[in-house]
Amino acid sequence: MTGSQLPRGITALIPSAPITATPGERAASQLLHLRTVEVPLPLLAAAVELIAPQLESEDPVTREAAADVRARLLAVLDGAGTRAARPGAG
């Protein structure tokens, strides 16, 4: 195919180059599927910071996933802070 020819038919629908995901996009996708995990609180705080740029992604699915993951992480951090403040909390 020369530079002036555009793909036609079914080949026009097939991407010609792999789309690479950013680290934040991969993190959002992977974290969204977690249900239970035990990690140090500073790691959760770092994850909140790492996912923040994806909140302004051009892709609406990425924005939605990032917002959901961020909300979950913040809820865990808020809950952990409350438990840690109570004497005898585990």
Protein backbone atom coordinates (compact mmCIF):
# COMPACT_ATOMS: atom_id res chain seq x y z
CA MET A 1 0.00 0.00 0.00
CA THR A 2 1.40 3.39 -0.93
CA GLY A 3 1.23 6.44 1.30
CA SER A 4 -1.72 7.88 -0.64
CA GLN A 5 -3.89 4.76 -0.33
CA LEU A 6 -6.15 4.43 2.69
CA PRO A 7 -7.18 1.06 4.08
CA ARG A 8 -10.51 -0.16 2.76
CA GLY A 9 -13.07 -2.71 3.83
CA ILE A 10 -12.48 -4.77 6.95
CA THR A 11 -8.81 -3.73 7.15
CA ALA A 12 -9.92 -0.14 7.79
CA LEU A 13 -11.42 -1.32 11.09
CA ILE A 14 -8.26 -3.08 12.30
CA PRO A 15 -5.79 -0.85 14.13
CA SER A 16 -2.43 -0.77 12.43
CA ALA A 17 -0.44 -0.11 15.61
CA PRO A 18 -0.96 -1.45 19.10
CA ILE A 19 -2.37 1.08 21.52
CA THR A 20 -0.16 1.31 24.57
CA ALA A 21 -1.76 2.01 27.91
CA THR A 22 -0.20 4.40 30.37
CA PRO A 23 0.81 3.11 33.81
CA GLY A 24 -2.17 4.94 35.30
CA GLU A 25 -4.59 3.32 32.84
CA ARG A 26 -3.20 -0.13 33.63
CA ALA A 27 -3.40 0.58 37.36
CA ALA A 28 -7.00 1.75 37.08
CA SER A 29 -7.98 -1.36 35.18
CA GLN A 30 -6.24 -3.70 37.60
CA LEU A 31 -7.35 -1.97 40.80
CA LEU A 32 -10.97 -1.83 39.67
CA HIS A 33 -11.18 -5.62 39.86
CA LEU A 34 -9.84 -5.93 43.40
CA ARG A 35 -12.32 -6.78 46.11
CA THR A 36 -10.02 -7.39 49.10
CA VAL A 37 -6.40 -6.55 49.67
CA GLU A 38 -4.10 -5.70 52.54
CA VAL A 39 -1.48 -3.06 51.82
CA PRO A 40 0.23 -0.31 53.82
CA LEU A 41 -1.76 2.93 53.93
CA PRO A 42 1.07 4.95 52.29
CA LEU A 43 0.77 2.65 49.28
CA LEU A 44 -2.95 3.44 49.01
CA ALA A 45 -2.20 7.16 49.25
CA ALA A 46 0.36 6.78 46.46
CA ALA A 47 -2.19 4.93 44.32
CA VAL A 48 -4.63 7.82 44.76
CA GLU A 49 -1.95 10.19 43.48
CA LEU A 50 -0.98 7.93 40.57
CA ILE A 51 -4.54 7.54 39.36
CA ALA A 52 -5.39 11.26 39.55
CA PRO A 53 -4.14 12.13 36.01
CA GLN A 54 -6.54 9.55 34.55
CA LEU A 55 -9.49 11.58 35.87
CA GLU A 56 -8.86 13.95 32.96
CA SER A 57 -8.31 11.28 30.28
CA GLU A 58 -9.83 11.81 26.85
CA ASP A 59 -11.38 8.34 27.12
CA PRO A 60 -14.65 8.43 29.09
CA VAL A 61 -14.27 4.78 30.17
CA THR A 62 -10.82 5.50 31.60
CA ARG A 63 -12.18 8.58 33.42
CA GLU A 64 -15.06 6.58 34.89
CA ALA A 65 -12.83 3.69 36.00
CA ALA A 66 -10.28 6.08 37.50
CA ALA A 67 -12.98 7.96 39.41
CA ASP A 68 -14.43 4.70 40.76
CA VAL A 69 -11.05 3.35 41.83
CA ARG A 70 -10.06 6.69 43.38
CA ALA A 71 -13.34 6.84 45.33
CA ARG A 72 -12.78 3.30 46.64
CA LEU A 73 -9.22 4.08 47.68
CA LEU A 74 -10.23 7.30 49.42
CA ALA A 75 -13.04 5.48 51.26
CA VAL A 76 -10.56 2.89 52.52
CA LEU A 77 -8.12 5.60 53.59
CA ASP A 78 -10.88 7.51 55.39
CA GLY A 79 -12.10 4.34 57.10
CA ALA A 80 -8.59 3.34 58.13
CA GLY A 81 -7.99 6.76 59.63
CA THR A 82 -11.16 6.45 61.70
CA ARG A 83 -10.28 2.96 62.95
CA ALA A 84 -6.72 3.98 63.77
CA ALA A 85 -7.97 6.91 65.85
CA ARG A 86 -10.05 4.67 68.14
CA PRO A 87 -8.25 2.97 71.02
CA GLY A 88 -8.28 -0.80 70.60
CA ALA A 89 -9.15 -0.59 66.92
CA GLY A 90 -7.69 -3.38 64.80
